[in-house]
Amino acid sequence: MKVWNASNLEPDWKPPACTGWGASDFPTIVAVSARFRFTGGADGLRRRIGAVSETNGILYWSVTQKRWQKLIVDAYASPGPDSNRHRPDFSVDEISAGRTLFFQQEDNRFGKVIYRMRIRTASTGRLVFDIENSTTIRYLLIPLFEPGQVQSIYYLEQEAAGLWRYYGIMRTSGKAGGLIAEDHEASAINRAVAFYRHLAGIPTDQEPPASR
């Protein structure tokens, strides 16, 4: 795991071209790199990516509370960017290259947010998808992140039979992102690792936490 923020990035730093991201003000970057064993193949991973409702109840280590607690308190697939209606989880066939999907997620800090998920690559040995907020993220009704200011991209590549490589990059932009990074780097790491563990089929509250 690694965290960078505006204080330790070069002033002219730009995201790698493979992310498709442009330059932003006060960026905070969290990266997680790992290998994990998974015998379900690419279709099994596509099913996990599409099963939005199964992220409900993901646990992470709260550095403030010093205990494991729920990160996601509700999540469901949505028919579109402007809809609060539920729909079934995305099927394996929907996790295909070029598809853009939407889901709503409520976490323990920022409430309900609609996210856009775009599937960039979905082949037998490689999956790439990105996620960004489609609606404003608020804390206690105060706007923190405008649409598109919380972004992530995930690369999953099969290294050998039953063995996959994972690389996830998360970025927040804007003044709130810089503030959060300075005060809550450990929390940002634990949130990012919770998603990785869920995707890899590892108990999200497995000891030890990524950061205390």
Protein backbone atom coordinates (compact mmCIF):
# COMPACT_ATOMS: atom_id res chain seq x y z
CA MET A 1 0.00 0.00 0.00
CA LYS A 2 1.16 3.54 -0.68
CA VAL A 3 -0.36 7.00 -0.20
CA TRP A 4 0.66 10.24 -1.91
CA ASN A 5 -0.86 13.67 -1.48
CA ALA A 6 -0.27 17.22 -2.65
CA SER A 7 2.57 17.71 -0.16
CA ASN A 8 4.72 14.86 -1.55
CA LEU A 9 3.81 14.94 -5.24
CA GLU A 10 5.78 17.03 -7.70
CA PRO A 11 3.94 20.25 -8.65
CA ASP A 12 3.73 19.15 -12.29
CA TRP A 13 2.72 15.55 -11.51
CA LYS A 14 0.12 14.08 -13.83
CA PRO A 15 -1.68 10.73 -13.57
CA PRO A 16 -0.36 7.91 -15.77
CA ALA A 17 -1.98 7.88 -19.20
CA CYS A 18 -3.41 4.39 -18.56
CA THR A 19 -5.80 5.83 -15.95
CA GLY A 20 -7.45 8.22 -18.39
CA TRP A 21 -7.47 10.87 -15.65
CA GLY A 22 -6.60 14.50 -16.20
CA ALA A 23 -4.67 16.75 -13.83
CA SER A 24 -6.46 17.84 -10.66
CA ASP A 25 -6.02 20.18 -7.71
CA PHE A 26 -4.87 18.83 -4.33
CA PRO A 27 -4.83 15.16 -5.40
CA THR A 28 -4.60 12.31 -2.92
CA ILE A 29 -3.59 8.92 -4.31
CA VAL A 30 -3.97 5.54 -2.58
CA ALA A 31 -2.54 2.50 -4.36
CA VAL A 32 -2.89 -1.16 -3.41
CA SER A 33 -0.89 -3.89 -5.15
CA ALA A 34 -1.35 -7.59 -4.42
CA ARG A 35 -1.53 -11.17 -5.64
CA PHE A 36 -4.36 -13.47 -4.67
CA ARG A 37 -5.48 -17.01 -5.40
CA PHE A 38 -8.80 -17.45 -7.16
CA THR A 39 -9.96 -20.52 -9.04
CA GLY A 40 -13.22 -19.11 -10.42
CA GLY A 41 -11.60 -17.58 -13.49
CA ALA A 42 -12.45 -14.27 -15.12
CA ASP A 43 -16.18 -15.02 -15.09
CA GLY A 44 -16.06 -15.56 -11.33
CA LEU A 45 -14.39 -12.19 -10.88
CA ARG A 46 -16.88 -10.55 -13.24
CA ARG A 47 -19.68 -11.94 -11.09
CA ARG A 48 -18.07 -10.43 -7.96
CA ILE A 49 -17.64 -7.07 -9.66
CA GLY A 50 -21.29 -7.08 -10.71
CA ALA A 51 -22.65 -8.23 -7.35
CA VAL A 52 -23.00 -4.72 -5.95
CA SER A 53 -25.41 -5.75 -3.19
CA GLU A 54 -22.79 -8.11 -1.74
CA THR A 55 -20.60 -5.17 -0.79
CA ASN A 56 -23.20 -4.38 1.88
CA GLY A 57 -21.60 -5.19 5.22
CA ILE A 58 -17.96 -4.95 4.16
CA LEU A 59 -15.87 -4.37 7.28
CA TYR A 60 -12.78 -2.21 7.72
CA TRP A 61 -10.55 -1.28 10.63
CA SER A 62 -11.57 2.10 12.00
CA VAL A 63 -8.47 3.90 13.23
CA THR A 64 -10.70 6.29 15.18
CA GLN A 65 -12.83 3.66 16.92
CA LYS A 66 -9.99 1.10 17.13
CA ARG A 67 -12.23 -1.72 16.01
CA TRP A 68 -13.68 -3.45 12.97
CA GLN A 69 -16.87 -1.82 11.77
CA LYS A 70 -19.12 -1.67 8.74
CA LEU A 71 -17.81 0.35 5.83
CA ILE A 72 -20.76 -0.18 3.46
CA VAL A 73 -24.20 -0.04 5.09
CA ASP A 74 -26.26 -0.32 1.88
CA ALA A 75 -25.54 -0.88 -1.81
CA TYR A 76 -27.56 -1.76 -4.88
CA ALA A 77 -27.41 -1.63 -8.67
CA SER A 78 -29.31 1.20 -10.31
CA PRO A 79 -30.96 1.45 -13.74
CA GLY A 80 -29.27 4.77 -14.50
CA PRO A 81 -27.45 7.84 -13.19
CA ASP A 82 -30.60 9.68 -12.10
CA SER A 83 -32.52 6.83 -10.53
CA ASN A 84 -32.94 5.80 -6.89
CA ARG A 85 -34.67 2.60 -7.94
CA HIS A 86 -33.18 -0.80 -7.23
CA ARG A 87 -32.47 -3.34 -9.92
CA PRO A 88 -30.86 -6.81 -9.70
CA ASP A 89 -27.11 -7.04 -9.45
CA PHE A 90 -25.26 -6.81 -12.75
CA SER A 91 -24.89 -10.14 -14.53
CA VAL A 92 -21.62 -11.61 -15.78
CA ASP A 93 -22.63 -10.65 -19.31
CA GLU A 94 -23.12 -7.01 -18.25
CA ILE A 95 -19.53 -6.85 -17.02
CA SER A 96 -18.26 -6.57 -20.57
CA ALA A 97 -15.90 -4.14 -22.28
CA GLY A 98 -17.49 -0.81 -23.13
CA ARG A 99 -20.40 -1.05 -20.69
CA THR A 100 -21.20 1.82 -18.34
CA LEU A 101 -23.18 0.88 -15.23
CA PHE A 102 -24.48 2.77 -12.21
CA PHE A 103 -24.96 1.82 -8.59
CA GLN A 104 -25.82 3.52 -5.32
CA GLN A 105 -23.76 3.02 -2.21
CA GLU A 106 -24.11 4.30 1.33
CA ASP A 107 -21.01 4.16 3.47
CA ASN A 108 -20.57 4.83 7.16
CA ARG A 109 -19.22 8.34 6.72
CA PHE A 110 -20.50 10.00 3.56
CA GLY A 111 -24.06 8.70 3.16
CA LYS A 112 -25.69 7.80 -0.14
CA VAL A 113 -23.82 8.42 -3.38
CA ILE A 114 -24.46 7.28 -6.95
CA TYR A 115 -21.37 5.92 -8.69
CA ARG A 116 -20.60 5.23 -12.33
CA MET A 117 -18.70 2.06 -13.19
CA ARG A 118 -17.13 1.69 -16.62
CA ILE A 119 -15.80 -1.66 -17.84
CA ARG A 120 -12.70 -0.99 -19.91
CA THR A 121 -11.46 -4.53 -20.51
CA ALA A 122 -13.10 -7.91 -19.83
CA SER A 123 -11.13 -10.77 -21.37
CA THR A 124 -10.22 -14.26 -20.20
CA GLY A 125 -7.07 -13.15 -18.41
CA ARG A 126 -7.53 -9.43 -17.83
CA LEU A 127 -10.16 -7.18 -16.26
CA VAL A 128 -9.95 -3.39 -16.02
CA PHE A 129 -12.73 -1.17 -14.67
CA ASP A 130 -13.02 2.29 -13.19
CA ILE A 131 -15.45 3.94 -10.78
CA GLU A 132 -16.22 7.58 -10.01
CA ASN A 133 -18.87 9.46 -8.09
CA SER A 134 -21.76 10.73 -10.23
CA THR A 135 -23.35 12.75 -7.43
CA THR A 136 -21.88 15.11 -4.85
CA ILE A 137 -20.40 13.49 -1.76
CA ARG A 138 -21.40 15.25 1.45
CA TYR A 139 -20.47 15.01 5.09
CA LEU A 140 -23.08 16.30 7.55
CA LEU A 141 -24.77 18.00 4.55
CA ILE A 142 -21.55 19.84 3.70
CA PRO A 143 -20.37 19.22 0.08
CA LEU A 144 -16.91 17.65 0.07
CA PHE A 145 -16.45 16.20 -3.41
CA GLU A 146 -18.16 17.30 -6.59
CA PRO A 147 -19.07 14.68 -9.22
CA GLY A 148 -15.93 13.08 -10.66
CA GLN A 149 -13.65 14.09 -7.77
CA VAL A 150 -13.49 10.59 -6.26
CA GLN A 151 -12.11 8.13 -8.79
CA SER A 152 -10.63 4.66 -8.79
CA ILE A 153 -9.36 2.22 -11.38
CA TYR A 154 -8.68 -1.49 -10.94
CA TYR A 155 -6.49 -3.86 -12.94
CA LEU A 156 -6.78 -7.62 -12.50
CA GLU A 157 -4.51 -9.87 -14.55
CA GLN A 158 -4.11 -13.64 -14.44
CA GLU A 159 -0.49 -14.54 -13.71
CA ALA A 160 -0.89 -18.33 -13.67
CA ALA A 161 -3.63 -20.90 -13.17
CA GLY A 162 -5.56 -19.80 -10.08
CA LEU A 163 -3.26 -16.81 -9.42
CA TRP A 164 -4.20 -13.19 -10.14
CA ARG A 165 -2.42 -9.85 -9.84
CA TYR A 166 -4.36 -6.87 -8.49
CA TYR A 167 -3.57 -3.18 -8.75
CA GLY A 168 -6.00 -0.53 -7.56
CA ILE A 169 -5.50 3.24 -7.63
CA MET A 170 -7.88 5.60 -5.85
CA ARG A 171 -7.81 9.38 -6.25
CA THR A 172 -9.62 12.20 -4.50
CA SER A 173 -9.34 15.74 -5.81
CA GLY A 174 -10.07 19.17 -4.43
CA LYS A 175 -9.25 20.83 -1.11
CA ALA A 176 -11.27 18.31 0.91
CA GLY A 177 -9.19 15.48 -0.53
CA GLY A 178 -5.99 17.04 0.70
CA LEU A 179 -7.44 17.63 4.15
CA ILE A 180 -8.66 14.06 4.48
CA ALA A 181 -5.34 12.64 3.33
CA GLU A 182 -3.33 14.50 5.93
CA ASP A 183 -5.57 13.49 8.83
CA HIS A 184 -6.79 10.05 7.79
CA GLU A 185 -4.18 8.28 5.66
CA ALA A 186 -4.59 5.06 7.65
CA SER A 187 -8.35 5.18 7.16
CA ALA A 188 -7.93 5.69 3.41
CA ILE A 189 -5.63 2.67 3.24
CA ASN A 190 -8.02 0.49 5.24
CA ARG A 191 -10.97 1.45 3.04
CA ALA A 192 -9.02 0.63 -0.11
CA VAL A 193 -7.82 -2.70 1.28
CA ALA A 194 -11.35 -3.62 2.38
CA PHE A 195 -12.50 -3.45 -1.24
CA TYR A 196 -9.51 -5.49 -2.41
CA ARG A 197 -10.19 -8.17 0.21
CA HIS A 198 -13.84 -8.36 -0.77
CA LEU A 199 -12.98 -8.79 -4.44
CA ALA A 200 -10.30 -11.38 -3.68
CA GLY A 201 -12.58 -13.39 -1.40
CA ILE A 202 -10.56 -12.65 1.76
CA PRO A 203 -12.51 -11.95 4.99
CA THR A 204 -12.56 -8.17 5.20
CA ASP A 205 -11.96 -8.27 8.97
CA GLN A 206 -9.02 -10.67 8.78
CA GLU A 207 -6.25 -9.76 11.20
CA PRO A 208 -4.14 -7.80 11.02
CA PRO A 209 -5.63 -4.66 9.49
CA ALA A 210 -3.60 -2.97 6.78
CA SER A 211 -2.98 0.05 8.99
CA ARG A 212 -3.72 0.88 12.61
